[in-house]
């Protein structure tokens, strides 16, 4: 699948989330799910789609590149509590989850709810 089509599908899916009445998460965290071979331009388009979604919703939205399908893949368990710590003077937030030992890397905040 080419990245342009993928980003359009991602954008459409995120718009559907915006209008879903029974979808009320405390936050949404996106990991890396573009291919390892993606160009810088393709990664920027992916991040722009997420930023546009963050700007259009009242739900806090974060981009945390250290989980997902990347070179570094630290898991986050679904339906388990995650602590997100952000400091205004830092570009990155830290995500922690009980039972998961993470490397000392931090997730990048994106969008209105997560500067960037």
PDB file of N, CA and C in Angstrom:
ATOM      1  N   UNK A   1       0.852  -1.180   0.000  1.00  0.00           N
ATOM      2  CA  UNK A   1       0.000   0.000   0.000  1.00  0.00           C
ATOM      3  C   UNK A   1       0.891   1.234   0.000  1.00  0.00           C
ATOM      4  N   UNK A   2       0.597   2.219  -0.849  1.00  0.00           N
ATOM      5  CA  UNK A   2       1.432   3.409  -0.851  1.00  0.00           C
ATOM      6  C   UNK A   2       1.066   4.320   0.312  1.00  0.00           C
ATOM      7  N   UNK A   3       2.022   5.148   0.735  1.00  0.00           N
ATOM      8  CA  UNK A   3       1.834   5.954   1.940  1.00  0.00           C
ATOM      9  C   UNK A   3       0.767   7.029   1.766  1.00  0.00           C
ATOM     10  N   UNK A   4       0.583   7.554   0.554  1.00  0.00           N
ATOM     11  CA  UNK A   4      -0.463   8.556   0.334  1.00  0.00           C
ATOM     12  C   UNK A   4      -1.847   7.991   0.600  1.00  0.00           C
ATOM     13  N   UNK A   5      -2.086   6.796   0.107  1.00  0.00           N
ATOM     14  CA  UNK A   5      -3.364   6.123   0.341  1.00  0.00           C
ATOM     15  C   UNK A   5      -3.529   5.810   1.825  1.00  0.00           C
ATOM     16  N   UNK A   6      -2.452   5.320   2.450  1.00  0.00           N
ATOM     17  CA  UNK A   6      -2.506   5.003   3.874  1.00  0.00           C
ATOM     18  C   UNK A   6      -2.856   6.244   4.692  1.00  0.00           C
ATOM     19  N   UNK A   7      -2.230   7.387   4.402  1.00  0.00           N
ATOM     20  CA  UNK A   7      -2.497   8.611   5.161  1.00  0.00           C
ATOM     21  C   UNK A   7      -3.929   9.088   4.953  1.00  0.00           C
ATOM     22  N   UNK A   8      -4.481   8.919   3.759  1.00  0.00           N
ATOM     23  CA  UNK A   8      -5.888   9.275   3.529  1.00  0.00           C
ATOM     24  C   UNK A   8      -6.800   8.380   4.345  1.00  0.00           C
ATOM     25  N   UNK A   9      -6.474   7.085   4.400  1.00  0.00           N
ATOM     26  CA  UNK A   9      -7.278   6.150   5.191  1.00  0.00           C
ATOM     27  C   UNK A   9      -7.172   6.474   6.681  1.00  0.00           C
ATOM     28  N   UNK A  10      -5.975   6.812   7.139  1.00  0.00           N
ATOM     29  CA  UNK A  10      -5.780   7.197   8.532  1.00  0.00           C
ATOM     30  C   UNK A  10      -6.580   8.455   8.848  1.00  0.00           C
ATOM     31  N   UNK A  11      -6.522   9.439   7.986  1.00  0.00           N
ATOM     32  CA  UNK A  11      -7.265  10.687   8.177  1.00  0.00           C
ATOM     33  C   UNK A  11      -8.773  10.408   8.263  1.00  0.00           C
ATOM     34  N   UNK A  12      -9.270   9.579   7.377  1.00  0.00           N
ATOM     35  CA  UNK A  12     -10.699   9.229   7.371  1.00  0.00           C
ATOM     36  C   UNK A  12     -11.092   8.505   8.667  1.00  0.00           C
ATOM     37  N   UNK A  13     -10.268   7.567   9.113  1.00  0.00           N
ATOM     38  CA  UNK A  13     -10.552   6.826  10.349  1.00  0.00           C
ATOM     39  C   UNK A  13     -10.542   7.761  11.554  1.00  0.00           C
ATOM     40  N   UNK A  14      -9.627   8.712  11.582  1.00  0.00           N
ATOM     41  CA  UNK A  14      -9.564   9.653  12.703  1.00  0.00           C
ATOM     42  C   UNK A  14     -10.773  10.583  12.714  1.00  0.00           C
ATOM     43  N   UNK A  15     -11.235  10.983  11.532  1.00  0.00           N
ATOM     44  CA  UNK A  15     -12.461  11.794  11.461  1.00  0.00           C
ATOM     45  C   UNK A  15     -13.652  11.003  11.996  1.00  0.00           C
ATOM     46  N   UNK A  16     -13.702   9.719  11.705  1.00  0.00           N
ATOM     47  CA  UNK A  16     -14.790   8.896  12.228  1.00  0.00           C
ATOM     48  C   UNK A  16     -14.746   8.837  13.749  1.00  0.00           C
ATOM     49  N   UNK A  17     -13.555   8.789  14.334  1.00  0.00           N
ATOM     50  CA  UNK A  17     -13.430   8.798  15.792  1.00  0.00           C
ATOM     51  C   UNK A  17     -13.985  10.094  16.391  1.00  0.00           C
ATOM     52  N   UNK A  18     -13.725  11.206  15.705  1.00  0.00           N
ATOM     53  CA  UNK A  18     -14.201  12.499  16.193  1.00  0.00           C
ATOM     54  C   UNK A  18     -15.714  12.533  16.350  1.00  0.00           C
ATOM     55  N   UNK A  19     -16.423  11.858  15.495  1.00  0.00           N
ATOM     56  CA  UNK A  19     -17.882  11.927  15.488  1.00  0.00           C
ATOM     57  C   UNK A  19     -18.536  10.756  16.217  1.00  0.00           C
ATOM     58  N   UNK A  20     -17.732   9.858  16.755  1.00  0.00           N
ATOM     59  CA  UNK A  20     -18.273   8.706  17.474  1.00  0.00           C
ATOM     60  C   UNK A  20     -18.691   9.166  18.873  1.00  0.00           C
ATOM     61  N   UNK A  21     -19.961   9.077  19.182  1.00  0.00           N
ATOM     62  CA  UNK A  21     -20.502   9.612  20.431  1.00  0.00           C
ATOM     63  C   UNK A  21     -20.099   8.801  21.659  1.00  0.00           C
ATOM     64  N   UNK A  22     -19.923   7.491  21.520  1.00  0.00           N
ATOM     65  CA  UNK A  22     -19.602   6.670  22.679  1.00  0.00           C
ATOM     66  C   UNK A  22     -18.098   6.392  22.821  1.00  0.00           C
ATOM     67  N   UNK A  23     -17.261   7.198  22.201  1.00  0.00           N
ATOM     68  CA  UNK A  23     -15.811   7.061  22.270  1.00  0.00           C
ATOM     69  C   UNK A  23     -15.284   8.186  23.153  1.00  0.00           C
ATOM     70  N   UNK A  24     -14.972   7.865  24.410  1.00  0.00           N
ATOM     71  CA  UNK A  24     -14.551   8.898  25.361  1.00  0.00           C
ATOM     72  C   UNK A  24     -13.284   8.490  26.115  1.00  0.00           C
ATOM     73  N   UNK A  25     -12.174   8.312  25.410  1.00  0.00           N
ATOM     74  CA  UNK A  25     -10.927   7.939  26.093  1.00  0.00           C
ATOM     75  C   UNK A  25     -10.349   9.125  26.862  1.00  0.00           C
ATOM     76  N   UNK A  26      -9.478   8.837  27.807  1.00  0.00           N
ATOM     77  CA  UNK A  26      -8.777   9.896  28.528  1.00  0.00           C
ATOM     78  C   UNK A  26      -7.721  10.546  27.638  1.00  0.00           C
ATOM     79  N   UNK A  27      -7.180   9.775  26.707  1.00  0.00           N
ATOM     80  CA  UNK A  27      -6.161  10.270  25.769  1.00  0.00           C
ATOM     81  C   UNK A  27      -6.008   9.227  24.663  1.00  0.00           C
ATOM     82  N   UNK A  28      -5.380   9.648  23.567  1.00  0.00           N
ATOM     83  CA  UNK A  28      -5.033   8.741  22.471  1.00  0.00           C
ATOM     84  C   UNK A  28      -3.531   8.853  22.267  1.00  0.00           C
ATOM     85  N   UNK A  29      -2.857   7.708  22.234  1.00  0.00           N
ATOM     86  CA  UNK A  29      -1.415   7.676  22.022  1.00  0.00           C
ATOM     87  C   UNK A  29      -1.144   6.916  20.736  1.00  0.00           C
ATOM     88  N   UNK A  30      -0.513   7.569  19.791  1.00  0.00           N
ATOM     89  CA  UNK A  30      -0.126   6.941  18.529  1.00  0.00           C
ATOM     90  C   UNK A  30       1.329   6.516  18.622  1.00  0.00           C
ATOM     91  N   UNK A  31       1.602   5.301  18.190  1.00  0.00           N
ATOM     92  CA  UNK A  31       2.972   4.837  18.081  1.00  0.00           C
ATOM     93  C   UNK A  31       3.404   4.913  16.635  1.00  0.00           C
ATOM     94  N   UNK A  32       4.546   4.342  16.352  1.00  0.00           N
ATOM     95  CA  UNK A  32       5.043   4.324  14.978  1.00  0.00           C
ATOM     96  C   UNK A  32       4.398   3.160  14.244  1.00  0.00           C
ATOM     97  N   UNK A  33       3.659   3.457  13.183  1.00  0.00           N
ATOM     98  CA  UNK A  33       3.148   2.357  12.376  1.00  0.00           C
ATOM     99  C   UNK A  33       3.291   2.612  10.892  1.00  0.00           C
ATOM    100  N   UNK A  34       4.210   3.506  10.528  1.00  0.00           N
ATOM    101  CA  UNK A  34       4.611   3.583   9.134  1.00  0.00           C
ATOM    102  C   UNK A  34       5.772   2.603   8.955  1.00  0.00           C
ATOM    103  N   UNK A  35       6.073   2.251   7.725  1.00  0.00           N
ATOM    104  CA  UNK A  35       7.104   1.248   7.479  1.00  0.00           C
ATOM    105  C   UNK A  35       8.492   1.781   7.842  1.00  0.00           C
ATOM    106  N   UNK A  36       9.389   0.866   8.123  1.00  0.00           N
ATOM    107  CA  UNK A  36      10.765   1.254   8.441  1.00  0.00           C
ATOM    108  C   UNK A  36      11.435   1.922   7.246  1.00  0.00           C
ATOM    109  N   UNK A  37      10.951   1.617   6.044  1.00  0.00           N
ATOM    110  CA  UNK A  37      11.535   2.186   4.826  1.00  0.00           C
ATOM    111  C   UNK A  37      10.937   3.549   4.465  1.00  0.00           C
ATOM    112  N   UNK A  38      10.023   4.055   5.275  1.00  0.00           N
ATOM    113  CA  UNK A  38       9.363   5.327   4.959  1.00  0.00           C
ATOM    114  C   UNK A  38      10.392   6.454   4.865  1.00  0.00           C
ATOM    115  N   UNK A  39      10.168   7.325   3.901  1.00  0.00           N
ATOM    116  CA  UNK A  39      11.050   8.486   3.741  1.00  0.00           C
ATOM    117  C   UNK A  39      10.714   9.527   4.804  1.00  0.00           C
ATOM    118  N   UNK A  40      11.591  10.513   4.956  1.00  0.00           N
ATOM    119  CA  UNK A  40      11.318  11.604   5.899  1.00  0.00           C
ATOM    120  C   UNK A  40      10.021  12.316   5.528  1.00  0.00           C
ATOM    121  N   UNK A  41       9.783  12.493   4.238  1.00  0.00           N
ATOM    122  CA  UNK A  41       8.561  13.144   3.768  1.00  0.00           C
ATOM    123  C   UNK A  41       7.315  12.336   4.162  1.00  0.00           C
ATOM    124  N   UNK A  42       7.381  11.024   3.990  1.00  0.00           N
ATOM    125  CA  UNK A  42       6.248  10.170   4.358  1.00  0.00           C
ATOM    126  C   UNK A  42       5.988  10.204   5.866  1.00  0.00           C
ATOM    127  N   UNK A  43       7.057  10.194   6.658  1.00  0.00           N
ATOM    128  CA  UNK A  43       6.891  10.281   8.116  1.00  0.00           C
ATOM    129  C   UNK A  43       6.296  11.627   8.509  1.00  0.00           C
ATOM    130  N   UNK A  44       6.709  12.689   7.855  1.00  0.00           N
ATOM    131  CA  UNK A  44       6.179  14.024   8.148  1.00  0.00           C
ATOM    132  C   UNK A  44       4.687  14.099   7.819  1.00  0.00           C
ATOM    133  N   UNK A  45       4.273  13.504   6.705  1.00  0.00           N
ATOM    134  CA  UNK A  45       2.852  13.501   6.336  1.00  0.00           C
ATOM    135  C   UNK A  45       2.052  12.734   7.385  1.00  0.00           C
ATOM    136  N   UNK A  46       2.546  11.583   7.817  1.00  0.00           N
ATOM    137  CA  UNK A  46       1.897  10.788   8.856  1.00  0.00           C
ATOM    138  C   UNK A  46       1.723  11.624  10.125  1.00  0.00           C
ATOM    139  N   UNK A  47       2.793  12.275  10.561  1.00  0.00           N
ATOM    140  CA  UNK A  47       2.736  13.101  11.773  1.00  0.00           C
ATOM    141  C   UNK A  47       1.806  14.294  11.584  1.00  0.00           C
ATOM    142  N   UNK A  48       1.731  14.834  10.376  1.00  0.00           N
ATOM    143  CA  UNK A  48       0.826  15.956  10.102  1.00  0.00           C
ATOM    144  C   UNK A  48      -0.632  15.530  10.217  1.00  0.00           C
ATOM    145  N   UNK A  49      -0.956  14.318   9.754  1.00  0.00           N
ATOM    146  CA  UNK A  49      -2.322  13.798   9.881  1.00  0.00           C
ATOM    147  C   UNK A  49      -2.693  13.694  11.357  1.00  0.00           C
ATOM    148  N   UNK A  50      -1.778  13.191  12.172  1.00  0.00           N
ATOM    149  CA  UNK A  50      -2.030  13.080  13.608  1.00  0.00           C
ATOM    150  C   UNK A  50      -2.166  14.468  14.243  1.00  0.00           C
ATOM    151  N   UNK A  51      -1.312  15.400  13.852  1.00  0.00           N
ATOM    152  CA  UNK A  51      -1.377  16.761  14.411  1.00  0.00           C
ATOM    153  C   UNK A  51      -2.711  17.426  14.046  1.00  0.00           C
ATOM    154  N   UNK A  52      -3.155  17.259  12.824  1.00  0.00           N
ATOM    155  CA  UNK A  52      -4.448  17.830  12.409  1.00  0.00           C
ATOM    156  C   UNK A  52      -5.583  17.246  13.242  1.00  0.00           C
ATOM    157  N   UNK A  53      -5.531  15.942  13.496  1.00  0.00           N
ATOM    158  CA  UNK A  53      -6.533  15.301  14.333  1.00  0.00           C
ATOM    159  C   UNK A  53      -6.476  15.873  15.754  1.00  0.00           C
ATOM    160  N   UNK A  54      -5.272  16.015  16.296  1.00  0.00           N
ATOM    161  CA  UNK A  54      -5.107  16.566  17.651  1.00  0.00           C
ATOM    162  C   UNK A  54      -5.681  17.978  17.741  1.00  0.00           C
ATOM    163  N   UNK A  55      -5.469  18.766  16.706  1.00  0.00           N
ATOM    164  CA  UNK A  55      -5.980  20.145  16.689  1.00  0.00           C
ATOM    165  C   UNK A  55      -7.505  20.197  16.611  1.00  0.00           C
ATOM    166  N   UNK A  56      -8.119  19.138  16.085  1.00  0.00           N
ATOM    167  CA  UNK A  56      -9.567  19.140  15.841  1.00  0.00           C
ATOM    168  C   UNK A  56     -10.379  18.443  16.941  1.00  0.00           C
ATOM    169  N   UNK A  57      -9.721  17.884  17.941  1.00  0.00           N
ATOM    170  CA  UNK A  57     -10.451  17.151  18.972  1.00  0.00           C
ATOM    171  C   UNK A  57     -10.095  17.678  20.357  1.00  0.00           C
ATOM    172  N   UNK A  58     -10.994  17.471  21.300  1.00  0.00           N
ATOM    173  CA  UNK A  58     -10.719  17.877  22.679  1.00  0.00           C
ATOM    174  C   UNK A  58     -10.013  16.767  23.464  1.00  0.00           C
ATOM    175  N   UNK A  59      -9.845  15.602  22.854  1.00  0.00           N
ATOM    176  CA  UNK A  59      -9.145  14.485  23.487  1.00  0.00           C
ATOM    177  C   UNK A  59      -7.641  14.753  23.404  1.00  0.00           C
ATOM    178  N   UNK A  60      -6.897  14.610  24.516  1.00  0.00           N
ATOM    179  CA  UNK A  60      -5.438  14.764  24.432  1.00  0.00           C
ATOM    180  C   UNK A  60      -4.847  13.701  23.493  1.00  0.00           C
ATOM    181  N   UNK A  61      -4.006  14.136  22.570  1.00  0.00           N
ATOM    182  CA  UNK A  61      -3.411  13.247  21.572  1.00  0.00           C
ATOM    183  C   UNK A  61      -1.894  13.346  21.675  1.00  0.00           C
ATOM    184  N   UNK A  62      -1.245  12.183  21.717  1.00  0.00           N
ATOM    185  CA  UNK A  62       0.200  12.117  21.823  1.00  0.00           C
ATOM    186  C   UNK A  62       0.760  11.217  20.737  1.00  0.00           C
ATOM    187  N   UNK A  63       1.962  11.536  20.317  1.00  0.00           N
ATOM    188  CA  UNK A  63       2.709  10.665  19.412  1.00  0.00           C
ATOM    189  C   UNK A  63       3.921  10.176  20.188  1.00  0.00           C
ATOM    190  N   UNK A  64       4.046   8.865  20.334  1.00  0.00           N
ATOM    191  CA  UNK A  64       5.131   8.254  21.089  1.00  0.00           C
ATOM    192  C   UNK A  64       5.820   7.257  20.173  1.00  0.00           C
ATOM    193  N   UNK A  65       6.925   7.662  19.539  1.00  0.00           N
ATOM    194  CA  UNK A  65       7.532   6.817  18.504  1.00  0.00           C
ATOM    195  C   UNK A  65       8.247   5.578  19.016  1.00  0.00           C
ATOM    196  N   UNK A  66       8.327   5.382  20.326  1.00  0.00           N
ATOM    197  CA  UNK A  66       9.081   4.256  20.860  1.00  0.00           C
ATOM    198  C   UNK A  66       8.216   3.038  21.156  1.00  0.00           C
ATOM    199  N   UNK A  67       7.000   3.020  20.619  1.00  0.00           N
ATOM    200  CA  UNK A  67       6.238   1.783  20.583  1.00  0.00           C
ATOM    201  C   UNK A  67       5.528   1.741  19.248  1.00  0.00           C
ATOM    202  N   UNK A  68       5.120   0.575  18.854  1.00  0.00           N
ATOM    203  CA  UNK A  68       4.497   0.416  17.540  1.00  0.00           C
ATOM    204  C   UNK A  68       5.276  -0.590  16.730  1.00  0.00           C
ATOM    205  N   UNK A  69       5.550  -0.265  15.488  1.00  0.00           N
ATOM    206  CA  UNK A  69       6.203  -1.213  14.585  1.00  0.00           C
ATOM    207  C   UNK A  69       7.529  -0.669  14.081  1.00  0.00           C
ATOM    208  N   UNK A  70       8.260  -0.007  14.943  1.00  0.00           N
ATOM    209  CA  UNK A  70       9.526   0.581  14.538  1.00  0.00           C
ATOM    210  C   UNK A  70      10.715  -0.274  14.930  1.00  0.00           C
ATOM    211  N   UNK A  71      11.901   0.306  14.772  1.00  0.00           N
ATOM    212  CA  UNK A  71      13.137  -0.369  15.142  1.00  0.00           C
ATOM    213  C   UNK A  71      13.129  -0.625  16.650  1.00  0.00           C
ATOM    214  N   UNK A  72      12.795   0.402  17.424  1.00  0.00           N
ATOM    215  CA  UNK A  72      12.655   0.264  18.869  1.00  0.00           C
ATOM    216  C   UNK A  72      11.178   0.047  19.143  1.00  0.00           C
ATOM    217  N   UNK A  73      10.847  -1.044  19.778  1.00  0.00           N
ATOM    218  CA  UNK A  73       9.439  -1.373  19.982  1.00  0.00           C
ATOM    219  C   UNK A  73       9.199  -1.730  21.443  1.00  0.00           C
ATOM    220  N   UNK A  74       8.866  -0.720  22.238  1.00  0.00           N
ATOM    221  CA  UNK A  74       8.497  -0.936  23.630  1.00  0.00           C
ATOM    222  C   UNK A  74       6.986  -1.029  23.684  1.00  0.00           C
ATOM    223  N   UNK A  75       6.449  -2.117  24.238  1.00  0.00           N
ATOM    224  CA  UNK A  75       4.995  -2.291  24.224  1.00  0.00           C
ATOM    225  C   UNK A  75       4.276  -1.428  25.257  1.00  0.00           C
ATOM    226  N   UNK A  76       3.023  -1.125  24.972  1.00  0.00           N
ATOM    227  CA  UNK A  76       2.077  -0.589  25.948  1.00  0.00           C
ATOM    228  C   UNK A  76       0.921  -1.571  25.956  1.00  0.00           C
ATOM    229  N   UNK A  77       0.513  -2.004  27.127  1.00  0.00           N
ATOM    230  CA  UNK A  77      -0.568  -2.975  27.230  1.00  0.00           C
ATOM    231  C   UNK A  77      -1.909  -2.267  27.079  1.00  0.00           C
ATOM    232  N   UNK A  78      -2.797  -2.835  26.269  1.00  0.00           N
ATOM    233  CA  UNK A  78      -4.117  -2.254  26.054  1.00  0.00           C
ATOM    234  C   UNK A  78      -4.970  -2.394  27.309  1.00  0.00           C
ATOM    235  N   UNK A  79      -5.833  -1.420  27.517  1.00  0.00           N
ATOM    236  CA  UNK A  79      -6.767  -1.385  28.647  1.00  0.00           C
ATOM    237  C   UNK A  79      -6.064  -1.415  29.995  1.00  0.00           C
ATOM    238  N   UNK A  80      -4.854  -0.904  30.047  1.00  0.00           N
ATOM    239  CA  UNK A  80      -4.106  -0.776  31.289  1.00  0.00           C
ATOM    240  C   UNK A  80      -3.710   0.684  31.454  1.00  0.00           C
ATOM    241  N   UNK A  81      -3.564   1.127  32.678  1.00  0.00           N
ATOM    242  CA  UNK A  81      -3.227   2.518  32.943  1.00  0.00           C
ATOM    243  C   UNK A  81      -1.812   2.852  32.504  1.00  0.00           C
ATOM    244  N   UNK A  82      -1.673   4.001  31.865  1.00  0.00           N
ATOM    245  CA  UNK A  82      -0.388   4.530  31.445  1.00  0.00           C
ATOM    246  C   UNK A  82      -0.256   5.922  32.046  1.00  0.00           C
ATOM    247  N   UNK A  83       0.886   6.206  32.633  1.00  0.00           N
ATOM    248  CA  UNK A  83       1.143   7.528  33.188  1.00  0.00           C
ATOM    249  C   UNK A  83       1.941   8.329  32.166  1.00  0.00           C
ATOM    250  N   UNK A  84       1.421   9.498  31.807  1.00  0.00           N
ATOM    251  CA  UNK A  84       2.100  10.387  30.865  1.00  0.00           C
ATOM    252  C   UNK A  84       2.550  11.611  31.649  1.00  0.00           C
ATOM    253  N   UNK A  85       3.847  11.850  31.668  1.00  0.00           N
ATOM    254  CA  UNK A  85       4.404  12.990  32.383  1.00  0.00           C
ATOM    255  C   UNK A  85       5.030  13.939  31.369  1.00  0.00           C
ATOM    256  N   UNK A  86       4.564  15.184  31.380  1.00  0.00           N
ATOM    257  CA  UNK A  86       5.069  16.174  30.433  1.00  0.00           C
ATOM    258  C   UNK A  86       5.581  17.398  31.190  1.00  0.00           C
ATOM    259  N   UNK A  87       6.688  17.922  30.735  1.00  0.00           N
ATOM    260  CA  UNK A  87       7.249  19.135  31.310  1.00  0.00           C
ATOM    261  C   UNK A  87       7.307  20.189  30.207  1.00  0.00           C
ATOM    262  N   UNK A  88       6.744  21.380  30.452  1.00  0.00           N
ATOM    263  CA  UNK A  88       6.672  22.410  29.401  1.00  0.00           C
ATOM    264  C   UNK A  88       8.023  22.774  28.791  1.00  0.00           C
ATOM    265  N   UNK A  89       9.090  22.664  29.574  1.00  0.00           N
ATOM    266  CA  UNK A  89      10.403  23.049  29.061  1.00  0.00           C
ATOM    267  C   UNK A  89      11.052  21.947  28.219  1.00  0.00           C
ATOM    268  N   UNK A  90      10.412  20.762  28.151  1.00  0.00           N
ATOM    269  CA  UNK A  90      10.957  19.664  27.360  1.00  0.00           C
ATOM    270  C   UNK A  90      10.066  19.370  26.161  1.00  0.00           C
ATOM    271  N   UNK A  91      10.681  18.994  25.076  1.00  0.00           N
ATOM    272  CA  UNK A  91       9.926  18.656  23.871  1.00  0.00           C
ATOM    273  C   UNK A  91       9.218  17.305  24.004  1.00  0.00           C
ATOM    274  N   UNK A  92       9.720  16.441  24.872  1.00  0.00           N
ATOM    275  CA  UNK A  92       9.210  15.080  24.974  1.00  0.00           C
ATOM    276  C   UNK A  92       8.489  14.827  26.295  1.00  0.00           C
ATOM    277  N   UNK A  93       7.508  13.939  26.228  1.00  0.00           N
ATOM    278  CA  UNK A  93       6.824  13.419  27.417  1.00  0.00           C
ATOM    279  C   UNK A  93       7.405  12.046  27.729  1.00  0.00           C
ATOM    280  N   UNK A  94       7.113  11.556  28.926  1.00  0.00           N
ATOM    281  CA  UNK A  94       7.521  10.214  29.318  1.00  0.00           C
ATOM    282  C   UNK A  94       6.270   9.385  29.535  1.00  0.00           C
ATOM    283  N   UNK A  95       6.235   8.177  29.001  1.00  0.00           N
ATOM    284  CA  UNK A  95       5.126   7.244  29.214  1.00  0.00           C
ATOM    285  C   UNK A  95       5.637   6.090  30.059  1.00  0.00           C
ATOM    286  N   UNK A  96       4.875   5.751  31.099  1.00  0.00           N
ATOM    287  CA  UNK A  96       5.231   4.632  31.978  1.00  0.00           C
ATOM    288  C   UNK A  96       3.997   3.771  32.209  1.00  0.00           C
ATOM    289  N   UNK A  97       4.217   2.472  32.298  1.00  0.00           N
ATOM    290  CA  UNK A  97       3.137   1.542  32.571  1.00  0.00           C
ATOM    291  C   UNK A  97       3.664   0.474  33.523  1.00  0.00           C
ATOM    292  N   UNK A  98       2.878   0.181  34.568  1.00  0.00           N
ATOM    293  CA  UNK A  98       3.275  -0.834  35.538  1.00  0.00           C
ATOM    294  C   UNK A  98       3.514  -2.165  34.820  1.00  0.00           C
ATOM    295  N   UNK A  99       4.576  -2.843  35.197  1.00  0.00           N
ATOM    296  CA  UNK A  99       4.856  -4.152  34.618  1.00  0.00           C
ATOM    297  C   UNK A  99       5.647  -4.110  33.327  1.00  0.00           C
ATOM    298  N   UNK A 100       5.885  -2.928  32.787  1.00  0.00           N
ATOM    299  CA  UNK A 100       6.654  -2.793  31.542  1.00  0.00           C
ATOM    300  C   UNK A 100       7.927  -2.017  31.868  1.00  0.00           C
ATOM    301  N   UNK A 101       9.068  -2.587  31.546  1.00  0.00           N
ATOM    302  CA  UNK A 101      10.342  -1.905  31.756  1.00  0.00           C
ATOM    303  C   UNK A 101      10.725  -1.223  30.446  1.00  0.00           C
ATOM    304  N   UNK A 102      10.680   0.094  30.441  1.00  0.00           N
ATOM    305  CA  UNK A 102      10.986   0.861  29.233  1.00  0.00           C
ATOM    306  C   UNK A 102      12.439   1.299  29.234  1.00  0.00           C
ATOM    307  N   UNK A 103      12.951   1.493  28.033  1.00  0.00           N
ATOM    308  CA  UNK A 103      14.263   2.110  27.903  1.00  0.00           C
ATOM    309  C   UNK A 103      14.106   3.570  28.294  1.00  0.00           C
ATOM    310  N   UNK A 104      15.187   4.265  28.464  1.00  0.00           N
ATOM    311  CA  UNK A 104      15.112   5.651  28.915  1.00  0.00           C
ATOM    312  C   UNK A 104      14.883   6.606  27.743  1.00  0.00           C
ATOM    313  N   UNK A 105      13.840   6.324  26.960  1.00  0.00           N
ATOM    314  CA  UNK A 105      13.462   7.193  25.850  1.00  0.00           C
ATOM    315  C   UNK A 105      12.105   7.784  26.163  1.00  0.00           C
ATOM    316  N   UNK A 106      11.818   8.912  25.557  1.00  0.00           N
ATOM    317  CA  UNK A 106      10.572   9.608  25.855  1.00  0.00           C
ATOM    318  C   UNK A 106       9.749   9.790  24.590  1.00  0.00           C
ATOM    319  N   UNK A 107       8.437   9.862  24.762  1.00  0.00           N
ATOM    320  CA  UNK A 107       7.510  10.072  23.642  1.00  0.00           C
ATOM    321  C   UNK A 107       7.378  11.536  23.329  1.00  0.00           C
ATOM    322  N   UNK A 108       7.187  11.843  22.087  1.00  0.00           N
ATOM    323  CA  UNK A 108       7.068  13.223  21.654  1.00  0.00           C
ATOM    324  C   UNK A 108       5.610  13.642  21.667  1.00  0.00           C
ATOM    325  N   UNK A 109       5.355  14.770  22.303  1.00  0.00           N
ATOM    326  CA  UNK A 109       4.005  15.322  22.289  1.00  0.00           C
ATOM    327  C   UNK A 109       3.763  15.977  20.952  1.00  0.00           C
ATOM    328  N   UNK A 110       2.510  15.871  20.466  1.00  0.00           N
ATOM    329  CA  UNK A 110       2.146  16.495  19.199  1.00  0.00           C
ATOM    330  C   UNK A 110       0.801  17.163  19.322  1.00  0.00           C
ATOM    331  N   UNK A 111       0.570  18.139  18.484  1.00  0.00           N
ATOM    332  CA  UNK A 111      -0.750  18.759  18.395  1.00  0.00           C
ATOM    333  C   UNK A 111      -0.999  19.774  19.492  1.00  0.00           C
ATOM    334  N   UNK A 112      -2.209  20.324  19.506  1.00  0.00           N
ATOM    335  CA  UNK A 112      -2.608  21.344  20.453  1.00  0.00           C
ATOM    336  C   UNK A 112      -2.511  20.834  21.882  1.00  0.00           C
ATOM    337  N   UNK A 113      -2.929  19.595  22.085  1.00  0.00           N
ATOM    338  CA  UNK A 113      -2.979  19.028  23.423  1.00  0.00           C
ATOM    339  C   UNK A 113      -1.624  18.514  23.824  1.00  0.00           C
ATOM    340  N   UNK A 114      -0.734  18.544  22.918  1.00  0.00           N
ATOM    341  CA  UNK A 114       0.595  18.024  23.134  1.00  0.00           C
ATOM    342  C   UNK A 114       1.516  18.790  22.209  1.00  0.00           C
ATOM    343  N   UNK A 115       2.090  19.858  22.688  1.00  0.00           N
ATOM    344  CA  UNK A 115       2.862  20.785  21.869  1.00  0.00           C
ATOM    345  C   UNK A 115       3.854  20.107  20.971  1.00  0.00           C
ATOM    346  N   UNK A 116       4.339  20.755  19.980  1.00  0.00           N
ATOM    347  CA  UNK A 116       5.280  20.011  19.192  1.00  0.00           C
ATOM    348  C   UNK A 116       5.654  20.650  17.971  1.00  0.00           C
TER     349      UNK A 116
END
